[in-house]
């Protein structure tokens, strides 16, 4: 299966999504971990009305693309413990903070594995 994070949501209100996007931009500006739109596409991560989307860079540091939309009900992302996993955990923690109906409910990691991502989120904001 690989190292994976799982989440679910009843969706975001417009206000929640606007706040999530603002915080996502802060996280992406704060981190020094390279992320881009897709592991093999050199474009910036997307934070828009439609989605929050990013991956690590290249085959060595990228794996599955992290994508969350304002209407999404549930999803997962396999990061294989690659460096961008820290950014994924920061985003999931942030989304859970912004929207009480968003639930980062399962991970192959534990609290210790998530610590760097949680700290990234806290430090960015």
PDB file of N, CA and C in Angstrom:
ATOM      1  N   UNK A   1       0.812  -1.192   0.000  1.00  0.00           N
ATOM      2  CA  UNK A   1       0.000   0.000   0.000  1.00  0.00           C
ATOM      3  C   UNK A   1       0.851   1.249   0.000  1.00  0.00           C
ATOM      4  N   UNK A   2       1.871   1.313   0.828  1.00  0.00           N
ATOM      5  CA  UNK A   2       2.687   2.509   0.919  1.00  0.00           C
ATOM      6  C   UNK A   2       2.242   3.401   2.069  1.00  0.00           C
ATOM      7  N   UNK A   3       3.031   4.380   2.351  1.00  0.00           N
ATOM      8  CA  UNK A   3       2.762   5.325   3.429  1.00  0.00           C
ATOM      9  C   UNK A   3       1.693   6.305   2.963  1.00  0.00           C
ATOM     10  N   UNK A   4       0.505   6.270   3.596  1.00  0.00           N
ATOM     11  CA  UNK A   4      -0.672   6.974   3.089  1.00  0.00           C
ATOM     12  C   UNK A   4      -1.387   7.736   4.198  1.00  0.00           C
ATOM     13  N   UNK A   5      -1.988   8.879   3.820  1.00  0.00           N
ATOM     14  CA  UNK A   5      -2.860   9.656   4.698  1.00  0.00           C
ATOM     15  C   UNK A   5      -4.256   9.649   4.089  1.00  0.00           C
ATOM     16  N   UNK A   6      -5.274   9.589   4.953  1.00  0.00           N
ATOM     17  CA  UNK A   6      -6.676   9.531   4.514  1.00  0.00           C
ATOM     18  C   UNK A   6      -7.466  10.657   5.188  1.00  0.00           C
ATOM     19  N   UNK A   7      -8.427  11.217   4.452  1.00  0.00           N
ATOM     20  CA  UNK A   7      -9.284  12.244   5.016  1.00  0.00           C
ATOM     21  C   UNK A   7     -10.678  12.169   4.414  1.00  0.00           C
ATOM     22  N   UNK A   8     -11.624  12.854   5.098  1.00  0.00           N
ATOM     23  CA  UNK A   8     -12.989  12.958   4.595  1.00  0.00           C
ATOM     24  C   UNK A   8     -13.564  14.293   5.040  1.00  0.00           C
ATOM     25  N   UNK A   9     -14.597  14.732   4.326  1.00  0.00           N
ATOM     26  CA  UNK A   9     -15.200  16.018   4.614  1.00  0.00           C
ATOM     27  C   UNK A   9     -16.610  16.060   4.051  1.00  0.00           C
ATOM     28  N   UNK A  10     -17.441  16.883   4.681  1.00  0.00           N
ATOM     29  CA  UNK A  10     -18.765  17.168   4.140  1.00  0.00           C
ATOM     30  C   UNK A  10     -18.706  18.380   3.214  1.00  0.00           C
ATOM     31  N   UNK A  11     -17.523  18.864   2.921  1.00  0.00           N
ATOM     32  CA  UNK A  11     -17.348  20.053   2.086  1.00  0.00           C
ATOM     33  C   UNK A  11     -17.045  21.276   2.932  1.00  0.00           C
ATOM     34  N   UNK A  12     -16.718  22.363   2.269  1.00  0.00           N
ATOM     35  CA  UNK A  12     -16.345  23.617   2.910  1.00  0.00           C
ATOM     36  C   UNK A  12     -17.346  24.702   2.533  1.00  0.00           C
ATOM     37  N   UNK A  13     -17.621  25.587   3.468  1.00  0.00           N
ATOM     38  CA  UNK A  13     -18.373  26.780   3.112  1.00  0.00           C
ATOM     39  C   UNK A  13     -17.428  27.684   2.314  1.00  0.00           C
ATOM     40  N   UNK A  14     -17.965  28.685   1.658  1.00  0.00           N
ATOM     41  CA  UNK A  14     -17.116  29.626   0.918  1.00  0.00           C
ATOM     42  C   UNK A  14     -16.123  30.305   1.849  1.00  0.00           C
ATOM     43  N   UNK A  15     -16.560  30.657   3.035  1.00  0.00           N
ATOM     44  CA  UNK A  15     -15.685  31.324   3.998  1.00  0.00           C
ATOM     45  C   UNK A  15     -14.582  30.378   4.480  1.00  0.00           C
ATOM     46  N   UNK A  16     -14.941  29.143   4.760  1.00  0.00           N
ATOM     47  CA  UNK A  16     -13.931  28.166   5.191  1.00  0.00           C
ATOM     48  C   UNK A  16     -12.904  27.929   4.090  1.00  0.00           C
ATOM     49  N   UNK A  17     -13.371  27.812   2.855  1.00  0.00           N
ATOM     50  CA  UNK A  17     -12.438  27.546   1.755  1.00  0.00           C
ATOM     51  C   UNK A  17     -11.515  28.748   1.542  1.00  0.00           C
ATOM     52  N   UNK A  18     -12.042  29.951   1.637  1.00  0.00           N
ATOM     53  CA  UNK A  18     -11.204  31.149   1.491  1.00  0.00           C
ATOM     54  C   UNK A  18     -10.126  31.177   2.573  1.00  0.00           C
ATOM     55  N   UNK A  19     -10.501  30.835   3.794  1.00  0.00           N
ATOM     56  CA  UNK A  19      -9.530  30.789   4.891  1.00  0.00           C
ATOM     57  C   UNK A  19      -8.513  29.669   4.665  1.00  0.00           C
ATOM     58  N   UNK A  20      -8.977  28.514   4.217  1.00  0.00           N
ATOM     59  CA  UNK A  20      -8.063  27.400   3.931  1.00  0.00           C
ATOM     60  C   UNK A  20      -7.056  27.793   2.864  1.00  0.00           C
ATOM     61  N   UNK A  21      -7.501  28.468   1.834  1.00  0.00           N
ATOM     62  CA  UNK A  21      -6.584  28.892   0.759  1.00  0.00           C
ATOM     63  C   UNK A  21      -5.566  29.900   1.277  1.00  0.00           C
ATOM     64  N   UNK A  22      -6.005  30.844   2.100  1.00  0.00           N
ATOM     65  CA  UNK A  22      -5.078  31.827   2.663  1.00  0.00           C
ATOM     66  C   UNK A  22      -4.014  31.130   3.516  1.00  0.00           C
ATOM     67  N   UNK A  23      -4.443  30.192   4.338  1.00  0.00           N
ATOM     68  CA  UNK A  23      -3.485  29.467   5.181  1.00  0.00           C
ATOM     69  C   UNK A  23      -2.597  28.546   4.355  1.00  0.00           C
ATOM     70  N   UNK A  24      -3.142  27.927   3.321  1.00  0.00           N
ATOM     71  CA  UNK A  24      -2.337  27.064   2.447  1.00  0.00           C
ATOM     72  C   UNK A  24      -1.227  27.878   1.787  1.00  0.00           C
ATOM     73  N   UNK A  25      -1.554  29.080   1.323  1.00  0.00           N
ATOM     74  CA  UNK A  25      -0.528  29.941   0.718  1.00  0.00           C
ATOM     75  C   UNK A  25       0.568  30.267   1.732  1.00  0.00           C
ATOM     76  N   UNK A  26       0.178  30.525   2.967  1.00  0.00           N
ATOM     77  CA  UNK A  26       1.170  30.814   4.015  1.00  0.00           C
ATOM     78  C   UNK A  26       2.086  29.626   4.255  1.00  0.00           C
ATOM     79  N   UNK A  27       1.511  28.441   4.307  1.00  0.00           N
ATOM     80  CA  UNK A  27       2.325  27.233   4.509  1.00  0.00           C
ATOM     81  C   UNK A  27       3.309  27.065   3.351  1.00  0.00           C
ATOM     82  N   UNK A  28       2.815  27.196   2.128  1.00  0.00           N
ATOM     83  CA  UNK A  28       3.676  27.009   0.956  1.00  0.00           C
ATOM     84  C   UNK A  28       4.763  28.068   0.867  1.00  0.00           C
ATOM     85  N   UNK A  29       4.476  29.291   1.297  1.00  0.00           N
ATOM     86  CA  UNK A  29       5.496  30.342   1.294  1.00  0.00           C
ATOM     87  C   UNK A  29       6.519  30.130   2.400  1.00  0.00           C
ATOM     88  N   UNK A  30       6.093  29.543   3.504  1.00  0.00           N
ATOM     89  CA  UNK A  30       6.963  29.373   4.658  1.00  0.00           C
ATOM     90  C   UNK A  30       7.938  28.203   4.501  1.00  0.00           C
ATOM     91  N   UNK A  31       7.480  27.118   3.896  1.00  0.00           N
ATOM     92  CA  UNK A  31       8.302  25.905   3.849  1.00  0.00           C
ATOM     93  C   UNK A  31       9.475  26.050   2.886  1.00  0.00           C
ATOM     94  N   UNK A  32      10.554  25.357   3.207  1.00  0.00           N
ATOM     95  CA  UNK A  32      11.685  25.299   2.273  1.00  0.00           C
ATOM     96  C   UNK A  32      11.718  23.949   1.538  1.00  0.00           C
ATOM     97  N   UNK A  33      10.691  23.135   1.740  1.00  0.00           N
ATOM     98  CA  UNK A  33      10.583  21.852   1.038  1.00  0.00           C
ATOM     99  C   UNK A  33      10.067  22.130  -0.368  1.00  0.00           C
ATOM    100  N   UNK A  34      10.803  21.699  -1.386  1.00  0.00           N
ATOM    101  CA  UNK A  34      10.352  21.983  -2.756  1.00  0.00           C
ATOM    102  C   UNK A  34       9.085  21.206  -3.115  1.00  0.00           C
ATOM    103  N   UNK A  35       8.076  21.950  -3.547  1.00  0.00           N
ATOM    104  CA  UNK A  35       6.845  21.362  -4.062  1.00  0.00           C
ATOM    105  C   UNK A  35       6.469  22.096  -5.345  1.00  0.00           C
ATOM    106  N   UNK A  36       5.745  21.400  -6.181  1.00  0.00           N
ATOM    107  CA  UNK A  36       5.269  21.992  -7.428  1.00  0.00           C
ATOM    108  C   UNK A  36       3.943  21.347  -7.795  1.00  0.00           C
ATOM    109  N   UNK A  37       3.356  21.768  -8.917  1.00  0.00           N
ATOM    110  CA  UNK A  37       2.020  21.332  -9.309  1.00  0.00           C
ATOM    111  C   UNK A  37       1.928  19.817  -9.448  1.00  0.00           C
ATOM    112  N   UNK A  38       2.905  19.224 -10.080  1.00  0.00           N
ATOM    113  CA  UNK A  38       2.988  17.769 -10.280  1.00  0.00           C
ATOM    114  C   UNK A  38       4.460  17.402 -10.223  1.00  0.00           C
ATOM    115  N   UNK A  39       4.781  16.192  -9.827  1.00  0.00           N
ATOM    116  CA  UNK A  39       6.189  15.816  -9.659  1.00  0.00           C
ATOM    117  C   UNK A  39       7.006  16.017 -10.929  1.00  0.00           C
ATOM    118  N   UNK A  40       6.369  15.843 -12.091  1.00  0.00           N
ATOM    119  CA  UNK A  40       7.095  15.982 -13.354  1.00  0.00           C
ATOM    120  C   UNK A  40       6.657  17.206 -14.167  1.00  0.00           C
ATOM    121  N   UNK A  41       5.946  18.135 -13.537  1.00  0.00           N
ATOM    122  CA  UNK A  41       5.525  19.371 -14.207  1.00  0.00           C
ATOM    123  C   UNK A  41       5.978  20.544 -13.352  1.00  0.00           C
ATOM    124  N   UNK A  42       6.921  21.301 -13.881  1.00  0.00           N
ATOM    125  CA  UNK A  42       7.483  22.429 -13.147  1.00  0.00           C
ATOM    126  C   UNK A  42       6.550  23.634 -13.237  1.00  0.00           C
ATOM    127  N   UNK A  43       5.530  23.618 -12.441  1.00  0.00           N
ATOM    128  CA  UNK A  43       4.596  24.727 -12.306  1.00  0.00           C
ATOM    129  C   UNK A  43       4.335  24.890 -10.814  1.00  0.00           C
ATOM    130  N   UNK A  44       3.956  26.083 -10.387  1.00  0.00           N
ATOM    131  CA  UNK A  44       3.726  26.267  -8.952  1.00  0.00           C
ATOM    132  C   UNK A  44       2.550  25.446  -8.444  1.00  0.00           C
ATOM    133  N   UNK A  45       2.552  25.142  -7.147  1.00  0.00           N
ATOM    134  CA  UNK A  45       1.390  24.479  -6.556  1.00  0.00           C
ATOM    135  C   UNK A  45       0.149  25.322  -6.829  1.00  0.00           C
ATOM    136  N   UNK A  46      -1.006  24.676  -6.861  1.00  0.00           N
ATOM    137  CA  UNK A  46      -2.252  25.402  -7.096  1.00  0.00           C
ATOM    138  C   UNK A  46      -3.016  25.583  -5.793  1.00  0.00           C
ATOM    139  N   UNK A  47      -3.367  26.816  -5.523  1.00  0.00           N
ATOM    140  CA  UNK A  47      -4.263  27.155  -4.423  1.00  0.00           C
ATOM    141  C   UNK A  47      -5.288  28.093  -5.037  1.00  0.00           C
ATOM    142  N   UNK A  48      -6.499  27.581  -5.259  1.00  0.00           N
ATOM    143  CA  UNK A  48      -7.502  28.339  -6.004  1.00  0.00           C
ATOM    144  C   UNK A  48      -8.902  28.035  -5.483  1.00  0.00           C
ATOM    145  N   UNK A  49      -9.893  28.626  -6.133  1.00  0.00           N
ATOM    146  CA  UNK A  49     -11.286  28.335  -5.782  1.00  0.00           C
ATOM    147  C   UNK A  49     -11.625  26.873  -6.034  1.00  0.00           C
ATOM    148  N   UNK A  50     -10.881  26.216  -6.938  1.00  0.00           N
ATOM    149  CA  UNK A  50     -11.170  24.831  -7.319  1.00  0.00           C
ATOM    150  C   UNK A  50     -10.434  23.788  -6.489  1.00  0.00           C
ATOM    151  N   UNK A  51      -9.210  24.125  -6.037  1.00  0.00           N
ATOM    152  CA  UNK A  51      -8.427  23.084  -5.361  1.00  0.00           C
ATOM    153  C   UNK A  51      -7.174  23.617  -4.695  1.00  0.00           C
ATOM    154  N   UNK A  52      -6.638  22.785  -3.810  1.00  0.00           N
ATOM    155  CA  UNK A  52      -5.279  22.910  -3.289  1.00  0.00           C
ATOM    156  C   UNK A  52      -4.567  21.677  -3.819  1.00  0.00           C
ATOM    157  N   UNK A  53      -3.473  21.891  -4.567  1.00  0.00           N
ATOM    158  CA  UNK A  53      -2.827  20.787  -5.261  1.00  0.00           C
ATOM    159  C   UNK A  53      -1.313  20.995  -5.295  1.00  0.00           C
ATOM    160  N   UNK A  54      -0.563  19.930  -4.947  1.00  0.00           N
ATOM    161  CA  UNK A  54       0.892  19.977  -5.057  1.00  0.00           C
ATOM    162  C   UNK A  54       1.460  18.567  -4.946  1.00  0.00           C
ATOM    163  N   UNK A  55       2.723  18.460  -5.261  1.00  0.00           N
ATOM    164  CA  UNK A  55       3.459  17.207  -5.165  1.00  0.00           C
ATOM    165  C   UNK A  55       4.906  17.578  -4.866  1.00  0.00           C
ATOM    166  N   UNK A  56       5.704  16.577  -4.544  1.00  0.00           N
ATOM    167  CA  UNK A  56       7.134  16.798  -4.438  1.00  0.00           C
ATOM    168  C   UNK A  56       7.710  16.960  -5.833  1.00  0.00           C
ATOM    169  N   UNK A  57       9.016  17.190  -5.899  1.00  0.00           N
ATOM    170  CA  UNK A  57       9.672  17.479  -7.173  1.00  0.00           C
ATOM    171  C   UNK A  57      10.437  16.253  -7.668  1.00  0.00           C
ATOM    172  N   UNK A  58      10.093  15.795  -8.868  1.00  0.00           N
ATOM    173  CA  UNK A  58      10.802  14.689  -9.501  1.00  0.00           C
ATOM    174  C   UNK A  58      10.445  13.333  -8.921  1.00  0.00           C
ATOM    175  N   UNK A  59      10.996  12.301  -9.546  1.00  0.00           N
ATOM    176  CA  UNK A  59      10.724  10.932  -9.092  1.00  0.00           C
ATOM    177  C   UNK A  59      11.273  10.668  -7.698  1.00  0.00           C
ATOM    178  N   UNK A  60      12.405  11.290  -7.385  1.00  0.00           N
ATOM    179  CA  UNK A  60      13.049  11.028  -6.101  1.00  0.00           C
ATOM    180  C   UNK A  60      12.277  11.636  -4.930  1.00  0.00           C
ATOM    181  N   UNK A  61      11.699  12.828  -5.115  1.00  0.00           N
ATOM    182  CA  UNK A  61      11.043  13.526  -4.016  1.00  0.00           C
ATOM    183  C   UNK A  61       9.536  13.671  -4.175  1.00  0.00           C
ATOM    184  N   UNK A  62       8.982  13.212  -5.280  1.00  0.00           N
ATOM    185  CA  UNK A  62       7.539  13.261  -5.485  1.00  0.00           C
ATOM    186  C   UNK A  62       6.950  11.866  -5.476  1.00  0.00           C
ATOM    187  N   UNK A  63       5.661  11.790  -5.235  1.00  0.00           N
ATOM    188  CA  UNK A  63       4.965  10.497  -5.261  1.00  0.00           C
ATOM    189  C   UNK A  63       3.555  10.751  -5.777  1.00  0.00           C
ATOM    190  N   UNK A  64       2.513  10.614  -4.958  1.00  0.00           N
ATOM    191  CA  UNK A  64       1.163  10.943  -5.413  1.00  0.00           C
ATOM    192  C   UNK A  64       0.860  12.415  -5.147  1.00  0.00           C
ATOM    193  N   UNK A  65       0.081  12.986  -6.025  1.00  0.00           N
ATOM    194  CA  UNK A  65      -0.280  14.388  -5.892  1.00  0.00           C
ATOM    195  C   UNK A  65      -1.329  14.565  -4.799  1.00  0.00           C
ATOM    196  N   UNK A  66      -1.110  15.552  -3.938  1.00  0.00           N
ATOM    197  CA  UNK A  66      -2.066  15.931  -2.905  1.00  0.00           C
ATOM    198  C   UNK A  66      -3.079  16.868  -3.549  1.00  0.00           C
ATOM    199  N   UNK A  67      -4.360  16.507  -3.488  1.00  0.00           N
ATOM    200  CA  UNK A  67      -5.430  17.342  -4.042  1.00  0.00           C
ATOM    201  C   UNK A  67      -6.599  17.344  -3.064  1.00  0.00           C
ATOM    202  N   UNK A  68      -7.039  18.545  -2.699  1.00  0.00           N
ATOM    203  CA  UNK A  68      -8.247  18.724  -1.902  1.00  0.00           C
ATOM    204  C   UNK A  68      -9.090  19.765  -2.620  1.00  0.00           C
ATOM    205  N   UNK A  69     -10.393  19.498  -2.717  1.00  0.00           N
ATOM    206  CA  UNK A  69     -11.320  20.447  -3.323  1.00  0.00           C
ATOM    207  C   UNK A  69     -12.356  20.866  -2.280  1.00  0.00           C
ATOM    208  N   UNK A  70     -13.049  21.987  -2.506  1.00  0.00           N
ATOM    209  CA  UNK A  70     -14.028  22.435  -1.504  1.00  0.00           C
ATOM    210  C   UNK A  70     -15.266  21.546  -1.384  1.00  0.00           C
ATOM    211  N   UNK A  71     -15.489  20.662  -2.349  1.00  0.00           N
ATOM    212  CA  UNK A  71     -16.666  19.791  -2.306  1.00  0.00           C
ATOM    213  C   UNK A  71     -16.324  18.320  -2.104  1.00  0.00           C
ATOM    214  N   UNK A  72     -15.071  18.014  -1.979  1.00  0.00           N
ATOM    215  CA  UNK A  72     -14.610  16.636  -1.869  1.00  0.00           C
ATOM    216  C   UNK A  72     -15.148  15.957  -0.617  1.00  0.00           C
ATOM    217  N   UNK A  73     -15.524  14.698  -0.745  1.00  0.00           N
ATOM    218  CA  UNK A  73     -16.044  13.973   0.406  1.00  0.00           C
ATOM    219  C   UNK A  73     -14.989  13.107   1.086  1.00  0.00           C
ATOM    220  N   UNK A  74     -14.030  12.595   0.366  1.00  0.00           N
ATOM    221  CA  UNK A  74     -12.997  11.770   0.973  1.00  0.00           C
ATOM    222  C   UNK A  74     -11.913  11.457  -0.024  1.00  0.00           C
ATOM    223  N   UNK A  75     -10.729  11.237   0.477  1.00  0.00           N
ATOM    224  CA  UNK A  75      -9.604  11.004  -0.422  1.00  0.00           C
ATOM    225  C   UNK A  75      -8.427  10.473   0.389  1.00  0.00           C
ATOM    226  N   UNK A  76      -7.348  10.220  -0.317  1.00  0.00           N
ATOM    227  CA  UNK A  76      -6.106   9.787   0.308  1.00  0.00           C
ATOM    228  C   UNK A  76      -4.936  10.253  -0.541  1.00  0.00           C
ATOM    229  N   UNK A  77      -3.746  10.223   0.058  1.00  0.00           N
ATOM    230  CA  UNK A  77      -2.524  10.585  -0.661  1.00  0.00           C
ATOM    231  C   UNK A  77      -1.393   9.718  -0.130  1.00  0.00           C
ATOM    232  N   UNK A  78      -0.758   8.992  -1.032  1.00  0.00           N
ATOM    233  CA  UNK A  78       0.426   8.202  -0.687  1.00  0.00           C
ATOM    234  C   UNK A  78       1.647   9.087  -0.915  1.00  0.00           C
ATOM    235  N   UNK A  79       2.424   9.294   0.131  1.00  0.00           N
ATOM    236  CA  UNK A  79       3.615  10.136   0.021  1.00  0.00           C
ATOM    237  C   UNK A  79       4.912   9.331   0.085  1.00  0.00           C
ATOM    238  N   UNK A  80       4.826   8.091   0.479  1.00  0.00           N
ATOM    239  CA  UNK A  80       6.012   7.227   0.608  1.00  0.00           C
ATOM    240  C   UNK A  80       7.077   7.843   1.520  1.00  0.00           C
ATOM    241  N   UNK A  81       6.623   8.669   2.473  1.00  0.00           N
ATOM    242  CA  UNK A  81       7.524   9.336   3.425  1.00  0.00           C
ATOM    243  C   UNK A  81       8.541  10.247   2.750  1.00  0.00           C
ATOM    244  N   UNK A  82       8.242  10.683   1.554  1.00  0.00           N
ATOM    245  CA  UNK A  82       9.145  11.601   0.850  1.00  0.00           C
ATOM    246  C   UNK A  82       9.030  12.983   1.478  1.00  0.00           C
ATOM    247  N   UNK A  83       9.998  13.877   1.238  1.00  0.00           N
ATOM    248  CA  UNK A  83      10.034  15.148   1.965  1.00  0.00           C
ATOM    249  C   UNK A  83       8.731  15.944   1.956  1.00  0.00           C
ATOM    250  N   UNK A  84       7.980  15.923   0.857  1.00  0.00           N
ATOM    251  CA  UNK A  84       6.747  16.716   0.802  1.00  0.00           C
ATOM    252  C   UNK A  84       5.664  16.183   1.741  1.00  0.00           C
ATOM    253  N   UNK A  85       5.877  15.018   2.342  1.00  0.00           N
ATOM    254  CA  UNK A  85       4.937  14.491   3.333  1.00  0.00           C
ATOM    255  C   UNK A  85       4.715  15.500   4.457  1.00  0.00           C
ATOM    256  N   UNK A  86       5.754  16.207   4.841  1.00  0.00           N
ATOM    257  CA  UNK A  86       5.636  17.215   5.894  1.00  0.00           C
ATOM    258  C   UNK A  86       4.634  18.303   5.499  1.00  0.00           C
ATOM    259  N   UNK A  87       4.646  18.698   4.237  1.00  0.00           N
ATOM    260  CA  UNK A  87       3.719  19.724   3.750  1.00  0.00           C
ATOM    261  C   UNK A  87       2.301  19.148   3.692  1.00  0.00           C
ATOM    262  N   UNK A  88       2.174  17.889   3.294  1.00  0.00           N
ATOM    263  CA  UNK A  88       0.859  17.235   3.269  1.00  0.00           C
ATOM    264  C   UNK A  88       0.255  17.211   4.673  1.00  0.00           C
ATOM    265  N   UNK A  89       1.028  16.811   5.659  1.00  0.00           N
ATOM    266  CA  UNK A  89       0.524  16.769   7.037  1.00  0.00           C
ATOM    267  C   UNK A  89       0.173  18.174   7.517  1.00  0.00           C
ATOM    268  N   UNK A  90       0.975  19.164   7.174  1.00  0.00           N
ATOM    269  CA  UNK A  90       0.662  20.550   7.548  1.00  0.00           C
ATOM    270  C   UNK A  90      -0.682  20.967   6.951  1.00  0.00           C
ATOM    271  N   UNK A  91      -0.902  20.629   5.682  1.00  0.00           N
ATOM    272  CA  UNK A  91      -2.167  20.990   5.021  1.00  0.00           C
ATOM    273  C   UNK A  91      -3.352  20.265   5.658  1.00  0.00           C
ATOM    274  N   UNK A  92      -3.211  18.989   5.925  1.00  0.00           N
ATOM    275  CA  UNK A  92      -4.314  18.237   6.527  1.00  0.00           C
ATOM    276  C   UNK A  92      -4.641  18.760   7.922  1.00  0.00           C
ATOM    277  N   UNK A  93      -3.622  19.091   8.684  1.00  0.00           N
ATOM    278  CA  UNK A  93      -3.823  19.659  10.017  1.00  0.00           C
ATOM    279  C   UNK A  93      -4.535  20.999   9.907  1.00  0.00           C
ATOM    280  N   UNK A  94      -4.107  21.818   8.961  1.00  0.00           N
ATOM    281  CA  UNK A  94      -4.720  23.125   8.747  1.00  0.00           C
ATOM    282  C   UNK A  94      -6.178  22.982   8.328  1.00  0.00           C
ATOM    283  N   UNK A  95      -6.459  22.085   7.394  1.00  0.00           N
ATOM    284  CA  UNK A  95      -7.834  21.900   6.913  1.00  0.00           C
ATOM    285  C   UNK A  95      -8.759  21.445   8.037  1.00  0.00           C
ATOM    286  N   UNK A  96      -8.249  20.600   8.892  1.00  0.00           N
ATOM    287  CA  UNK A  96      -9.022  20.141  10.049  1.00  0.00           C
ATOM    288  C   UNK A  96      -9.291  21.303  11.014  1.00  0.00           C
ATOM    289  N   UNK A  97      -8.338  22.206  11.123  1.00  0.00           N
ATOM    290  CA  UNK A  97      -8.470  23.367  11.990  1.00  0.00           C
ATOM    291  C   UNK A  97      -9.493  24.363  11.435  1.00  0.00           C
ATOM    292  N   UNK A  98      -9.508  24.549  10.127  1.00  0.00           N
ATOM    293  CA  UNK A  98     -10.393  25.518   9.467  1.00  0.00           C
ATOM    294  C   UNK A  98     -11.833  25.018   9.396  1.00  0.00           C
ATOM    295  N   UNK A  99     -11.996  23.715   9.192  1.00  0.00           N
ATOM    296  CA  UNK A  99     -13.323  23.154   8.961  1.00  0.00           C
ATOM    297  C   UNK A  99     -13.588  22.004   9.937  1.00  0.00           C
ATOM    298  N   UNK A 100     -14.498  22.187  10.875  1.00  0.00           N
ATOM    299  CA  UNK A 100     -14.782  21.119  11.835  1.00  0.00           C
ATOM    300  C   UNK A 100     -15.333  19.849  11.192  1.00  0.00           C
ATOM    301  N   UNK A 101     -15.835  19.949   9.964  1.00  0.00           N
ATOM    302  CA  UNK A 101     -16.342  18.772   9.265  1.00  0.00           C
ATOM    303  C   UNK A 101     -15.276  18.054   8.441  1.00  0.00           C
ATOM    304  N   UNK A 102     -14.066  18.603   8.411  1.00  0.00           N
ATOM    305  CA  UNK A 102     -12.955  17.947   7.719  1.00  0.00           C
ATOM    306  C   UNK A 102     -12.261  17.060   8.740  1.00  0.00           C
ATOM    307  N   UNK A 103     -11.993  15.813   8.343  1.00  0.00           N
ATOM    308  CA  UNK A 103     -11.393  14.873   9.292  1.00  0.00           C
ATOM    309  C   UNK A 103     -10.216  14.166   8.654  1.00  0.00           C
ATOM    310  N   UNK A 104      -9.024  14.424   9.197  1.00  0.00           N
ATOM    311  CA  UNK A 104      -7.797  13.722   8.854  1.00  0.00           C
ATOM    312  C   UNK A 104      -7.820  12.493   9.759  1.00  0.00           C
ATOM    313  N   UNK A 105      -8.459  11.409   9.264  1.00  0.00           N
ATOM    314  CA  UNK A 105      -8.853  10.335  10.172  1.00  0.00           C
ATOM    315  C   UNK A 105      -7.928   9.143  10.245  1.00  0.00           C
ATOM    316  N   UNK A 106      -7.031   8.997   9.302  1.00  0.00           N
ATOM    317  CA  UNK A 106      -6.163   7.830   9.353  1.00  0.00           C
ATOM    318  C   UNK A 106      -4.866   8.132   8.636  1.00  0.00           C
ATOM    319  N   UNK A 107      -3.814   7.534   9.132  1.00  0.00           N
ATOM    320  CA  UNK A 107      -2.506   7.692   8.518  1.00  0.00           C
ATOM    321  C   UNK A 107      -1.675   6.463   8.839  1.00  0.00           C
ATOM    322  N   UNK A 108      -0.771   6.149   7.956  1.00  0.00           N
ATOM    323  CA  UNK A 108       0.170   5.075   8.250  1.00  0.00           C
ATOM    324  C   UNK A 108       1.229   5.549   9.246  1.00  0.00           C
ATOM    325  N   UNK A 109       1.277   6.860   9.480  1.00  0.00           N
ATOM    326  CA  UNK A 109       2.202   7.417  10.448  1.00  0.00           C
ATOM    327  C   UNK A 109       1.547   7.583  11.806  1.00  0.00           C
ATOM    328  N   UNK A 110       2.359   7.949  12.777  1.00  0.00           N
ATOM    329  CA  UNK A 110       1.848   8.197  14.118  1.00  0.00           C
ATOM    330  C   UNK A 110       2.155   9.641  14.503  1.00  0.00           C
ATOM    331  N   UNK A 111       1.889   9.979  15.737  1.00  0.00           N
ATOM    332  CA  UNK A 111       2.081  11.360  16.192  1.00  0.00           C
ATOM    333  C   UNK A 111       3.509  11.839  15.951  1.00  0.00           C
ATOM    334  N   UNK A 112       4.474  10.999  16.203  1.00  0.00           N
ATOM    335  CA  UNK A 112       5.869  11.378  15.983  1.00  0.00           C
ATOM    336  C   UNK A 112       6.138  11.657  14.497  1.00  0.00           C
ATOM    337  N   UNK A 113       5.567  10.832  13.615  1.00  0.00           N
ATOM    338  CA  UNK A 113       5.734  11.044  12.178  1.00  0.00           C
ATOM    339  C   UNK A 113       5.101  12.357  11.723  1.00  0.00           C
ATOM    340  N   UNK A 114       4.055  12.795  12.407  1.00  0.00           N
ATOM    341  CA  UNK A 114       3.313  13.995  12.021  1.00  0.00           C
ATOM    342  C   UNK A 114       3.869  15.268  12.639  1.00  0.00           C
ATOM    343  N   UNK A 115       4.747  15.129  13.602  1.00  0.00           N
ATOM    344  CA  UNK A 115       5.233  16.282  14.358  1.00  0.00           C
ATOM    345  C   UNK A 115       5.805  17.388  13.464  1.00  0.00           C
ATOM    346  N   UNK A 116       6.629  17.054  12.496  1.00  0.00           N
ATOM    347  CA  UNK A 116       7.245  18.081  11.642  1.00  0.00           C
ATOM    348  C   UNK A 116       6.185  18.834  10.839  1.00  0.00           C
ATOM    349  N   UNK A 117       5.175  18.124  10.340  1.00  0.00           N
ATOM    350  CA  UNK A 117       4.113  18.772   9.589  1.00  0.00           C
ATOM    351  C   UNK A 117       3.261  19.679  10.459  1.00  0.00           C
ATOM    352  N   UNK A 118       2.955  19.222  11.657  1.00  0.00           N
ATOM    353  CA  UNK A 118       2.180  20.047  12.590  1.00  0.00           C
ATOM    354  C   UNK A 118       2.978  21.298  12.955  1.00  0.00           C
ATOM    355  N   UNK A 119       4.269  21.132  13.199  1.00  0.00           N
ATOM    356  CA  UNK A 119       5.123  22.280  13.510  1.00  0.00           C
ATOM    357  C   UNK A 119       5.224  23.239  12.329  1.00  0.00           C
ATOM    358  N   UNK A 120       5.275  22.700  11.120  1.00  0.00           N
ATOM    359  CA  UNK A 120       5.289  23.559   9.933  1.00  0.00           C
ATOM    360  C   UNK A 120       4.033  24.414   9.905  1.00  0.00           C
ATOM    361  N   UNK A 121       2.878  23.806  10.099  1.00  0.00           N
ATOM    362  CA  UNK A 121       1.626  24.551  10.110  1.00  0.00           C
ATOM    363  C   UNK A 121       1.637  25.651  11.169  1.00  0.00           C
ATOM    364  N   UNK A 122       2.010  25.300  12.371  1.00  0.00           N
ATOM    365  CA  UNK A 122       2.035  26.273  13.463  1.00  0.00           C
ATOM    366  C   UNK A 122       3.016  27.408  13.184  1.00  0.00           C
ATOM    367  N   UNK A 123       4.177  27.076  12.677  1.00  0.00           N
ATOM    368  CA  UNK A 123       5.189  28.089  12.399  1.00  0.00           C
ATOM    369  C   UNK A 123       4.798  29.022  11.251  1.00  0.00           C
ATOM    370  N   UNK A 124       4.141  28.470  10.257  1.00  0.00           N
ATOM    371  CA  UNK A 124       3.738  29.257   9.082  1.00  0.00           C
ATOM    372  C   UNK A 124       2.689  30.291   9.443  1.00  0.00           C
ATOM    373  N   UNK A 125       1.889  29.998  10.458  1.00  0.00           N
ATOM    374  CA  UNK A 125       0.821  30.916  10.841  1.00  0.00           C
ATOM    375  C   UNK A 125       1.098  31.536  12.195  1.00  0.00           C
TER     376      UNK A 125
END
